[in-house]
């Protein structure tokens, strides 16, 4: 509805001028650093994270990362960007005689006064690293940071033999409620029964991979027609065994979309990337987030770290609409497009690829692809299931938009840590209240922005790469503690080898220490 103002309600010129100047002031001030007027103070700014430290052992991750918080001369944290080039970081071997290749891109400006710094080693720094963080050539916080060696690279096969030490270095959380809940139906896991029953019941349901880990070596056999995605489970398990000694364990991973175990009584455990309220599968982080974590700064452009520096314009400059682009993998997505056509002021939705409902393509239309980072030009992101849970959800949560999430029986490993209404806005499964949710957000801008900010903050904590490794380890540990029987290698299994080329070359001091002769008492 459009409201028109009559001539008798026209504002005096000076009132209108003051109003316009106020709007201009707010517009320009939104682009200025907040938190004080003293500019960035290098010595007061803060540096922390798993990829930095002085005198401490760093977690081994595919890409190490740390955070920089810009602080002004009054000691106040800046809350908007002071500029993407505010900080410069240099990383090299601590010993000038040691030469290693380190990929050091510029820090990612997260738009809220904080920066995310990533770096990837292509060799181990046996004598440590030197990290310099600068603001206009002035040292930031305690820079330079000397990280003691050895600092191992991703492909160095050098597992920590003491898992408690590894968990402490990784700062793994004390508990994971989703893991505890997933294992409640399995107080004991009869391996003999599992070997007999799982292949018969599930191998014709898509793709099933039977794994055994013995003495930190991985063996597997594939069952079913569609098992190509074993590459994703292989790579994560290999990466984990390079970092920590795993318990001997035998299990099945479902590499298909849908969770498998529907029995409510006497179920057998199957590990899956997606869970549901109707099944009893044990959930692992999805292949989407683990693969992007392993390939950060190398083989992917969208990952859990890079998205944090590409969240679009500030909130006040985003389009006041909800946005969706995606495949036709669920009928509600087609309904979303219909709503968009009728309500273009509220919603911009389109289908970019047709496979499941090709007979409706002509009627609905095909939208051009939009780069994922451009999604965040919009204030509100609509998350609708695909075949199962939409695996874009963690990436949407890391943006600085408000997520409108469809009610769903499907979930990923971290959903139970989020609260509807606090971290995202829930909408009904049939989307009947979606337009009302968008209108609410438009009419309650400050509250909508706060929900989006809270969701982003939670996602930043829950979806750190280190947390994914911790989660994987905790699943395998709890599983191993409930095994009844001894894990054994099936005759059809082949070993999944670690890399043995020059990229994996390293000198593992932990292994050397293990092999040293012990004095007899």
Protein backbone atom coordinates (compact mmCIF):
# COMPACT_ATOMS: atom_id res chain seq x y z
CA UNK A 1 0.00 0.00 0.00
CA UNK A 2 1.31 3.46 -0.94
CA UNK A 3 0.69 6.48 1.27
CA UNK A 4 0.53 9.98 -0.31
CA UNK A 5 1.08 13.16 1.67
CA UNK A 6 -1.21 16.09 0.92
CA UNK A 7 -0.12 19.72 0.49
CA UNK A 8 -1.44 20.64 3.94
CA UNK A 9 0.99 18.22 5.56
CA UNK A 10 4.09 19.47 3.74
CA UNK A 11 7.04 20.12 6.07
CA UNK A 12 8.60 23.58 6.37
CA UNK A 13 11.81 23.90 4.35
CA UNK A 14 14.13 24.11 7.39
CA UNK A 15 12.60 20.97 8.95
CA UNK A 16 13.05 19.08 5.68
CA UNK A 17 16.64 20.33 5.39
CA UNK A 18 17.49 19.20 8.94
CA UNK A 19 15.95 15.79 8.23
CA UNK A 20 17.96 15.38 5.02
CA UNK A 21 21.19 16.42 6.72
CA UNK A 22 20.50 13.90 9.49
CA UNK A 23 20.06 11.14 6.93
CA UNK A 24 23.34 12.12 5.26
CA UNK A 25 25.11 12.12 8.63
CA UNK A 26 23.83 8.64 9.44
CA UNK A 27 24.81 7.38 5.99
CA UNK A 28 28.39 8.62 6.22
CA UNK A 29 28.83 7.75 9.89
CA UNK A 30 27.87 4.14 9.14
CA UNK A 31 31.06 3.88 7.09
CA UNK A 32 33.32 5.25 9.84
CA UNK A 33 35.10 3.14 12.47
CA UNK A 34 33.09 2.88 15.68
CA UNK A 35 34.26 2.31 19.21
CA UNK A 36 36.13 5.58 19.68
CA UNK A 37 37.70 8.44 17.81
CA UNK A 38 41.34 7.59 18.36
CA UNK A 39 41.94 5.45 15.26
CA UNK A 40 43.58 2.03 15.39
CA UNK A 41 46.07 1.52 18.20
CA UNK A 42 48.61 -1.17 17.20
CA UNK A 43 49.71 -1.89 20.77
CA UNK A 44 46.14 -2.11 22.13
CA UNK A 45 44.79 -4.25 19.29
CA UNK A 46 44.25 -7.93 20.09
CA UNK A 47 45.59 -11.09 18.46
CA UNK A 48 44.48 -14.64 19.30
CA UNK A 49 43.55 -17.99 17.79
CA UNK A 50 44.83 -21.51 17.07
CA UNK A 51 47.36 -20.32 14.47
CA UNK A 52 49.27 -17.92 16.71
CA UNK A 53 51.02 -17.91 20.06
CA UNK A 54 54.34 -17.48 21.78
CA UNK A 55 55.92 -20.52 23.38
CA UNK A 56 52.90 -22.74 22.72
CA UNK A 57 52.33 -25.76 20.50
CA UNK A 58 50.00 -25.04 17.58
CA UNK A 59 47.31 -27.42 16.35
CA UNK A 60 48.13 -29.07 13.03
CA UNK A 61 45.46 -27.99 10.56
CA UNK A 62 45.28 -27.80 6.75
CA UNK A 63 45.17 -24.03 7.09
CA UNK A 64 46.11 -22.32 10.31
CA UNK A 65 44.25 -19.18 11.26
CA UNK A 66 44.05 -16.48 13.89
CA UNK A 67 42.11 -13.30 14.58
CA UNK A 68 43.02 -9.63 14.88
CA UNK A 69 40.69 -7.23 16.68
CA UNK A 70 41.22 -3.56 15.91
CA UNK A 71 41.20 -1.47 19.10
CA UNK A 72 41.36 2.31 19.29
CA UNK A 73 43.65 4.45 21.46
CA UNK A 74 40.94 4.62 24.14
CA UNK A 75 40.92 0.83 24.47
CA UNK A 76 37.58 0.38 22.70
CA UNK A 77 37.04 -2.38 20.13
CA UNK A 78 36.15 -1.07 16.70
CA UNK A 79 32.79 -2.44 15.58
CA UNK A 80 32.93 -1.64 11.87
CA UNK A 81 35.75 -2.03 9.39
CA UNK A 82 38.67 0.40 9.68
CA UNK A 83 39.65 -0.60 6.12
CA UNK A 84 40.65 -3.87 4.52
CA UNK A 85 44.35 -2.91 4.41
CA UNK A 86 44.57 -1.99 8.09
CA UNK A 87 46.89 -4.87 8.98
CA UNK A 88 49.72 -6.64 7.19
CA UNK A 89 51.06 -10.05 8.16
CA UNK A 90 54.41 -11.64 7.34
CA UNK A 91 55.14 -15.30 8.12
CA UNK A 92 58.42 -17.12 7.58
CA UNK A 93 60.65 -19.73 9.17
CA UNK A 94 62.05 -18.55 12.50
CA UNK A 95 65.52 -19.73 11.47
CA UNK A 96 66.93 -17.76 8.55
CA UNK A 97 68.72 -20.89 7.41
CA UNK A 98 65.48 -22.81 6.95
CA UNK A 99 63.45 -22.23 3.81
CA UNK A 100 59.81 -23.28 3.56
CA UNK A 101 56.97 -22.14 1.34
CA UNK A 102 54.10 -20.48 3.18
CA UNK A 103 50.98 -19.17 1.45
CA UNK A 104 50.12 -15.93 3.29
CA UNK A 105 47.15 -14.07 1.76
CA UNK A 106 46.08 -10.69 3.19
CA UNK A 107 43.91 -10.75 6.32
CA UNK A 108 40.18 -11.08 5.68
CA UNK A 109 38.21 -8.03 6.80
CA UNK A 110 35.13 -9.37 8.61
CA UNK A 111 33.46 -5.96 8.54
CA UNK A 112 32.98 -5.71 12.31
CA UNK A 113 36.38 -4.44 13.38
CA UNK A 114 37.91 -7.92 13.40
CA UNK A 115 40.11 -9.66 10.83
CA UNK A 116 40.70 -13.32 10.06
CA UNK A 117 44.22 -14.31 9.06
CA UNK A 118 44.87 -17.61 7.26
CA UNK A 119 48.09 -19.26 6.16
CA UNK A 120 49.02 -22.62 4.67
CA UNK A 121 52.36 -24.38 5.07
CA UNK A 122 53.86 -26.37 2.20
CA UNK A 123 56.60 -27.79 4.36
CA UNK A 124 57.31 -28.25 8.06
CA UNK A 125 59.19 -25.55 9.97
CA UNK A 126 61.43 -27.69 12.14
CA UNK A 127 62.73 -24.71 14.11
CA UNK A 128 59.50 -22.77 14.26
CA UNK A 129 57.84 -19.78 12.63
CA UNK A 130 58.10 -16.04 12.97
CA UNK A 131 54.83 -14.12 12.58
CA UNK A 132 54.90 -10.34 12.21
CA UNK A 133 51.66 -8.35 12.37
CA UNK A 134 51.89 -4.69 11.42
CA UNK A 135 49.71 -1.60 11.28
CA UNK A 136 51.43 1.12 9.25
CA UNK A 137 54.80 -0.52 10.00
CA UNK A 138 54.10 -0.54 13.76
CA UNK A 139 54.04 -3.87 15.59
CA UNK A 140 50.57 -5.04 16.61
CA UNK A 141 49.96 -6.46 20.10
CA UNK A 142 52.94 -8.73 20.98
CA UNK A 143 54.28 -8.99 17.43
CA UNK A 144 56.58 -10.54 16.39
CA UNK A 145 55.32 -13.94 17.56
CA UNK A 146 57.86 -16.76 17.65
CA UNK A 147 56.13 -20.12 17.36
CA UNK A 148 58.41 -22.94 18.55
CA UNK A 149 59.13 -25.82 16.21
CA UNK A 150 58.49 -28.22 14.88
CA UNK A 151 55.45 -26.77 13.10
CA UNK A 152 54.13 -29.57 10.90
CA UNK A 153 52.35 -29.10 7.58
CA UNK A 154 49.07 -30.79 6.67
CA UNK A 155 50.51 -33.84 4.89
CA UNK A 156 53.11 -34.68 7.51
CA UNK A 157 52.17 -38.10 8.90
CA UNK A 158 53.03 -37.39 12.52
CA UNK A 159 50.16 -38.32 14.86
CA UNK A 160 50.18 -37.30 18.50
CA UNK A 161 50.20 -40.61 20.43
CA UNK A 162 48.43 -39.15 23.47
CA UNK A 163 44.90 -38.19 22.43
CA UNK A 164 44.33 -36.18 25.61
CA UNK A 165 47.31 -33.98 24.73
CA UNK A 166 45.98 -33.52 21.20
CA UNK A 167 42.50 -32.59 22.43
CA UNK A 168 44.00 -30.05 24.81
CA UNK A 169 46.07 -28.46 22.03
CA UNK A 170 42.99 -28.38 19.78
CA UNK A 171 40.90 -26.92 22.63
CA UNK A 172 38.17 -29.46 21.97
CA UNK A 173 34.94 -28.75 23.89
CA UNK A 174 34.29 -30.91 26.92
CA UNK A 175 31.06 -32.29 25.52
CA UNK A 176 29.10 -32.52 22.30
CA UNK A 177 25.40 -33.01 23.10
CA UNK A 178 24.56 -34.23 19.59
CA UNK A 179 27.09 -37.06 19.84
CA UNK A 180 25.73 -38.12 23.22
CA UNK A 181 22.19 -38.11 21.84
CA UNK A 182 23.17 -40.02 18.70
CA UNK A 183 24.74 -42.85 20.71
CA UNK A 184 21.88 -43.28 23.17
CA UNK A 185 20.31 -46.07 21.05
CA UNK A 186 23.69 -47.88 21.04
CA UNK A 187 24.85 -48.69 24.58
CA UNK A 188 26.73 -51.61 23.03
CA UNK A 189 27.79 -52.20 19.43
CA UNK A 190 28.01 -55.88 18.49
CA UNK A 191 30.60 -55.88 15.71
CA UNK A 192 29.75 -59.40 14.57
CA UNK A 193 26.09 -58.51 14.12
CA UNK A 194 27.04 -55.21 12.47
CA UNK A 195 29.21 -56.97 9.86
CA UNK A 196 26.39 -59.34 8.99
CA UNK A 197 23.43 -56.97 9.04
CA UNK A 198 24.61 -53.60 7.70
CA UNK A 199 25.66 -54.82 4.22
CA UNK A 200 22.42 -56.76 3.73
CA UNK A 201 20.13 -53.94 4.83
CA UNK A 202 21.88 -50.87 3.46
CA UNK A 203 24.19 -51.66 0.53
CA UNK A 204 21.31 -51.41 -1.95
CA UNK A 205 20.31 -47.97 -0.65
CA UNK A 206 23.00 -46.02 -2.48
CA UNK A 207 26.52 -46.03 -1.10
CA UNK A 208 27.98 -47.68 1.98
CA UNK A 209 31.65 -47.86 2.95
CA UNK A 210 32.92 -50.36 5.51
CA UNK A 211 35.96 -49.01 7.37
CA UNK A 212 38.38 -50.48 9.87
CA UNK A 213 41.08 -48.46 11.59
CA UNK A 214 43.77 -50.63 13.19
CA UNK A 215 46.99 -49.20 14.60
CA UNK A 216 46.10 -45.90 12.91
CA UNK A 217 45.99 -47.50 9.45
CA UNK A 218 42.77 -47.21 7.46
CA UNK A 219 41.23 -50.10 5.51
CA UNK A 220 37.96 -50.10 3.60
CA UNK A 221 35.65 -51.89 1.20
CA UNK A 222 32.80 -50.32 -0.74
CA UNK A 223 29.26 -51.67 -0.86
CA UNK A 224 26.53 -50.40 -3.15
CA UNK A 225 26.27 -48.71 -6.51
CA UNK A 226 27.15 -45.10 -5.70
CA UNK A 227 30.31 -44.97 -3.61
CA UNK A 228 32.37 -42.30 -5.37
CA UNK A 229 31.93 -39.97 -2.41
CA UNK A 230 34.21 -42.27 -0.42
CA UNK A 231 36.92 -39.83 -1.50
CA UNK A 232 35.51 -37.35 1.02
CA UNK A 233 35.39 -39.77 3.94
CA UNK A 234 38.84 -41.11 2.96
CA UNK A 235 40.46 -37.69 2.94
CA UNK A 236 39.06 -36.65 6.31
CA UNK A 237 40.01 -39.91 8.01
CA UNK A 238 43.51 -39.74 6.52
CA UNK A 239 43.90 -36.17 7.71
CA UNK A 240 42.75 -37.10 11.20
CA UNK A 241 45.10 -40.08 11.49
CA UNK A 242 48.03 -37.84 10.51
CA UNK A 243 47.29 -35.71 13.56
CA UNK A 244 46.31 -38.06 16.38
CA UNK A 245 46.44 -41.76 17.24
CA UNK A 246 42.89 -43.09 16.84
CA UNK A 247 41.44 -46.02 18.75
CA UNK A 248 41.01 -49.25 16.82
CA UNK A 249 37.49 -49.06 15.45
CA UNK A 250 35.22 -50.67 12.82
CA UNK A 251 32.24 -48.86 11.33
CA UNK A 252 30.10 -48.15 8.26
CA UNK A 253 29.77 -44.70 6.66
CA UNK A 254 26.79 -43.86 4.50
CA UNK A 255 28.06 -41.75 1.58
CA UNK A 256 24.59 -41.17 0.15
CA UNK A 257 22.22 -38.31 0.85
CA UNK A 258 19.55 -39.83 3.06
CA UNK A 259 20.11 -41.24 6.55
CA UNK A 260 19.50 -45.00 6.61
CA UNK A 261 18.59 -46.55 9.96
CA UNK A 262 14.82 -46.25 10.46
CA UNK A 263 14.42 -48.86 13.19
CA UNK A 264 13.40 -47.45 16.54
CA UNK A 265 14.15 -50.72 18.31
CA UNK A 266 17.29 -52.79 17.89
CA UNK A 267 18.94 -50.41 15.37
CA UNK A 268 22.48 -50.78 14.04
CA UNK A 269 24.81 -47.76 13.97
CA UNK A 270 25.58 -46.13 10.64
CA UNK A 271 27.60 -42.92 10.39
CA UNK A 272 26.03 -40.35 8.05
CA UNK A 273 26.57 -36.76 6.99
CA UNK A 274 22.95 -35.88 7.66
CA UNK A 275 20.57 -36.96 10.41
CA UNK A 276 16.82 -36.83 10.74
CA UNK A 277 14.19 -37.09 13.44
CA UNK A 278 12.92 -40.29 11.77
CA UNK A 279 16.24 -42.16 11.73
CA UNK A 280 18.96 -43.32 14.13
CA UNK A 281 22.10 -42.55 12.14
CA UNK A 282 25.12 -41.11 13.97
CA UNK A 283 25.89 -37.74 12.39
CA UNK A 284 29.31 -36.56 11.21
CA UNK A 285 30.18 -33.12 9.79
CA UNK A 286 29.14 -33.08 6.14
CA UNK A 287 31.56 -33.81 3.33
CA UNK A 288 30.88 -30.26 2.15
CA UNK A 289 32.40 -28.61 5.22
CA UNK A 290 35.23 -31.14 5.69
CA UNK A 291 36.32 -31.00 2.04
CA UNK A 292 36.25 -27.21 1.94
CA UNK A 293 38.29 -27.17 5.16
CA UNK A 294 40.91 -29.52 3.73
CA UNK A 295 41.13 -27.52 0.49
CA UNK A 296 41.08 -23.98 1.92
CA UNK A 297 43.58 -21.70 0.13
CA UNK A 298 44.06 -24.38 -2.49
CA UNK A 299 41.22 -26.15 -4.27
CA UNK A 300 38.05 -24.27 -3.25
CA UNK A 301 36.84 -20.68 -3.15
CA UNK A 302 33.92 -21.10 -0.74
CA UNK A 303 35.01 -22.42 2.64
CA UNK A 304 34.20 -21.80 6.28
CA UNK A 305 36.99 -19.23 6.60
CA UNK A 306 36.92 -17.33 3.32
CA UNK A 307 33.17 -16.67 3.51
CA UNK A 308 33.79 -14.64 6.67
CA UNK A 309 35.60 -12.00 4.64
CA UNK A 310 33.00 -11.83 1.87
CA UNK A 311 29.75 -11.03 3.63
CA UNK A 312 28.65 -8.20 1.38
CA UNK A 313 28.00 -4.56 2.25
CA UNK A 314 27.23 -3.34 5.77
CA UNK A 315 23.73 -4.16 7.01
CA UNK A 316 22.36 -0.67 6.34
CA UNK A 317 23.43 -0.91 2.69
CA UNK A 318 21.99 -4.36 1.98
CA UNK A 319 18.84 -4.86 -0.07
CA UNK A 320 15.76 -5.04 2.15
CA UNK A 321 14.60 -8.34 0.61
CA UNK A 322 14.88 -12.07 1.22
CA UNK A 323 16.98 -14.01 -1.28
CA UNK A 324 17.23 -17.56 -2.62
CA UNK A 325 18.98 -19.28 -5.50
CA UNK A 326 19.33 -23.03 -5.89
CA UNK A 327 18.41 -26.25 -7.68
CA UNK A 328 14.93 -27.74 -7.93
CA UNK A 329 15.75 -30.43 -5.35
CA UNK A 330 12.57 -29.86 -3.29
CA UNK A 331 9.09 -28.77 -4.33
CA UNK A 332 8.97 -26.01 -1.72
CA UNK A 333 11.76 -24.32 -3.66
CA UNK A 334 9.42 -24.03 -6.65
CA UNK A 335 6.76 -22.59 -4.37
CA UNK A 336 9.36 -20.08 -3.22
CA UNK A 337 9.73 -18.82 -6.80
CA UNK A 338 5.96 -18.45 -7.09
CA UNK A 339 5.92 -16.35 -3.92
CA UNK A 340 8.75 -14.26 -5.31
CA UNK A 341 6.90 -13.48 -8.54
CA UNK A 342 3.86 -12.32 -6.59
CA UNK A 343 5.85 -10.39 -3.96
CA UNK A 344 9.01 -9.02 -5.60
CA UNK A 345 9.30 -6.31 -2.95
CA UNK A 346 9.74 -9.00 -0.29
CA UNK A 347 11.51 -11.88 -2.00
CA UNK A 348 13.97 -12.53 -4.84
CA UNK A 349 14.00 -16.29 -5.50
CA UNK A 350 14.98 -18.35 -8.53
CA UNK A 351 15.82 -21.91 -9.63
CA UNK A 352 19.25 -22.15 -11.26
CA UNK A 353 19.28 -25.83 -12.22
CA UNK A 354 16.59 -28.35 -13.16
CA UNK A 355 16.74 -32.09 -12.54
CA UNK A 356 13.88 -33.29 -10.31
CA UNK A 357 10.96 -31.28 -11.77
CA UNK A 358 12.03 -30.72 -15.37
CA UNK A 359 8.44 -30.75 -16.58
CA UNK A 360 7.88 -27.49 -14.68
CA UNK A 361 10.93 -25.59 -15.90
CA UNK A 362 9.06 -23.77 -18.64
CA UNK A 363 6.36 -22.67 -16.22
CA UNK A 364 8.67 -21.60 -13.39
CA UNK A 365 11.67 -20.41 -15.41
CA UNK A 366 15.40 -20.69 -14.94
CA UNK A 367 17.35 -17.99 -13.12
CA UNK A 368 20.98 -17.13 -13.89
CA UNK A 369 23.63 -18.29 -11.46
CA UNK A 370 24.66 -15.85 -8.75
CA UNK A 371 28.04 -16.03 -7.02
CA UNK A 372 27.59 -17.18 -3.44
CA UNK A 373 29.27 -14.14 -1.92
CA UNK A 374 26.74 -11.96 -3.76
CA UNK A 375 23.96 -13.59 -1.73
CA UNK A 376 25.01 -11.31 1.11
CA UNK A 377 23.94 -8.19 -0.75
CA UNK A 378 20.54 -9.06 0.74
CA UNK A 379 19.53 -8.72 4.38
CA UNK A 380 17.60 -11.98 4.58
CA UNK A 381 18.61 -15.44 3.37
CA UNK A 382 15.97 -18.15 2.87
CA UNK A 383 17.23 -21.64 3.72
CA UNK A 384 15.04 -24.40 2.24
CA UNK A 385 15.93 -28.10 2.30
CA UNK A 386 17.28 -29.82 -0.78
CA UNK A 387 17.07 -33.59 -0.97
CA UNK A 388 18.00 -33.51 2.72
CA UNK A 389 19.31 -30.63 4.84
CA UNK A 390 20.58 -27.78 2.70
CA UNK A 391 24.36 -27.93 3.06
CA UNK A 392 24.60 -24.21 2.35
CA UNK A 393 23.18 -23.48 5.81
CA UNK A 394 26.53 -23.23 7.67
CA UNK A 395 27.82 -20.82 5.04
CA UNK A 396 24.68 -18.68 5.23
CA UNK A 397 25.01 -18.54 9.01
CA UNK A 398 28.57 -17.21 8.68
CA UNK A 399 27.40 -14.24 6.63
CA UNK A 400 26.06 -11.05 8.16
CA UNK A 401 22.50 -11.58 6.93
CA UNK A 402 19.51 -12.92 8.83
CA UNK A 403 18.71 -16.55 7.98
CA UNK A 404 15.07 -17.58 7.59
CA UNK A 405 15.22 -21.35 8.07
CA UNK A 406 12.53 -23.76 6.93
CA UNK A 407 11.37 -26.18 9.61
CA UNK A 408 12.89 -29.55 8.79
CA UNK A 409 13.27 -33.11 10.08
CA UNK A 410 16.86 -33.09 8.75
CA UNK A 411 19.87 -31.73 10.59
CA UNK A 412 23.64 -31.41 10.48
CA UNK A 413 26.00 -32.06 13.36
CA UNK A 414 25.83 -28.54 14.84
CA UNK A 415 22.10 -27.70 14.56
CA UNK A 416 21.32 -28.70 18.15
CA UNK A 417 23.61 -25.90 19.36
CA UNK A 418 21.41 -23.27 17.68
CA UNK A 419 18.13 -21.85 18.95
CA UNK A 420 15.26 -20.77 16.72
CA UNK A 421 14.42 -17.13 17.32
CA UNK A 422 17.85 -16.47 18.81
CA UNK A 423 20.20 -17.47 15.98
CA UNK A 424 17.78 -17.61 13.03
CA UNK A 425 14.09 -17.05 12.27
CA UNK A 426 12.11 -20.29 11.79
CA UNK A 427 9.45 -20.62 9.10
CA UNK A 428 6.93 -23.41 8.59
CA UNK A 429 7.77 -26.34 6.36
CA UNK A 430 5.13 -25.33 3.79
CA UNK A 431 6.47 -21.73 3.86
CA UNK A 432 2.99 -20.40 4.68
CA UNK A 433 4.42 -17.87 7.15
CA UNK A 434 7.52 -16.89 5.16
CA UNK A 435 6.14 -13.59 3.88
CA UNK A 436 5.03 -12.64 7.39
CA UNK A 437 8.54 -13.43 8.65
CA UNK A 438 10.07 -11.16 6.00
CA UNK A 439 7.63 -8.36 6.86
CA UNK A 440 8.47 -8.76 10.55
CA UNK A 441 12.18 -8.44 9.75
CA UNK A 442 11.59 -5.34 7.64
CA UNK A 443 9.51 -3.72 10.37
CA UNK A 444 11.86 -4.70 13.21
CA UNK A 445 15.21 -3.95 11.65
CA UNK A 446 17.27 -3.69 14.84
CA UNK A 447 15.93 -6.96 16.25
CA UNK A 448 16.36 -8.76 12.92
CA UNK A 449 19.93 -7.53 12.70
CA UNK A 450 20.65 -8.74 16.23
CA UNK A 451 19.33 -12.24 15.49
CA UNK A 452 21.53 -12.34 12.38
CA UNK A 453 24.54 -11.17 14.39
CA UNK A 454 23.93 -13.77 17.12
CA UNK A 455 23.67 -16.52 14.50
CA UNK A 456 26.88 -15.40 12.85
CA UNK A 457 28.71 -15.34 16.18
CA UNK A 458 27.51 -18.85 17.05
CA UNK A 459 28.49 -20.18 13.62
CA UNK A 460 31.97 -18.65 13.89
CA UNK A 461 32.51 -20.60 17.09
CA UNK A 462 30.85 -23.89 16.13
CA UNK A 463 32.26 -24.16 12.61
CA UNK A 464 35.93 -23.52 13.24
CA UNK A 465 38.06 -26.09 11.40
CA UNK A 466 39.53 -27.26 14.70
CA UNK A 467 36.02 -28.07 15.97
CA UNK A 468 35.36 -30.32 12.96
CA UNK A 469 38.40 -32.46 13.82
CA UNK A 470 37.38 -32.59 17.46
CA UNK A 471 33.89 -33.71 16.49
CA UNK A 472 35.13 -36.47 14.20
CA UNK A 473 37.48 -37.74 16.88
CA UNK A 474 34.80 -37.72 19.58
CA UNK A 475 32.42 -39.74 17.39
CA UNK A 476 35.07 -42.40 16.75
CA UNK A 477 36.12 -42.43 20.40
CA UNK A 478 32.59 -42.89 21.74
CA UNK A 479 31.94 -45.53 19.09
CA UNK A 480 35.10 -47.45 20.05
CA UNK A 481 34.18 -47.38 23.73
CA UNK A 482 30.91 -49.17 22.93
CA UNK A 483 32.30 -51.81 20.61
CA UNK A 484 31.64 -55.41 21.60
CA UNK A 485 34.23 -57.43 19.73
CA UNK A 486 37.54 -56.71 18.11
CA UNK A 487 37.84 -54.64 14.92
CA UNK A 488 39.18 -56.82 12.13
CA UNK A 489 40.15 -56.35 8.52
CA UNK A 490 37.72 -57.98 6.07
CA UNK A 491 39.39 -60.01 3.26
CA UNK A 492 37.92 -57.64 0.65
CA UNK A 493 39.34 -54.54 2.26
CA UNK A 494 42.17 -52.48 0.81
CA UNK A 495 44.37 -50.07 2.70
CA UNK A 496 43.79 -46.37 2.16
CA UNK A 497 47.38 -45.07 1.99
CA UNK A 498 48.78 -41.76 3.09
CA UNK A 499 50.51 -39.66 0.46
CA UNK A 500 54.10 -40.72 -0.10
CA UNK A 501 55.32 -38.07 -2.56
CA UNK A 502 57.49 -35.03 -1.91
CA UNK A 503 54.54 -32.98 -0.63
CA UNK A 504 54.28 -35.31 2.38
CA UNK A 505 57.97 -35.31 3.27
CA UNK A 506 58.64 -34.38 6.89
CA UNK A 507 60.68 -35.35 9.89
CA UNK A 508 58.33 -36.45 12.65
CA UNK A 509 59.98 -35.80 16.00
CA UNK A 510 57.08 -37.40 17.86
CA UNK A 511 57.68 -40.68 16.04
CA UNK A 512 61.39 -40.45 16.70
CA UNK A 513 60.71 -39.92 20.39
CA UNK A 514 58.40 -42.95 20.44
CA UNK A 515 61.12 -45.13 18.95
CA UNK A 516 63.85 -44.01 21.34
CA UNK A 517 65.00 -46.82 23.68
CA UNK A 518 63.76 -46.44 27.25
CA UNK A 519 66.00 -46.90 30.26
CA UNK A 520 65.18 -50.06 32.18
CA UNK A 521 64.44 -49.71 35.87
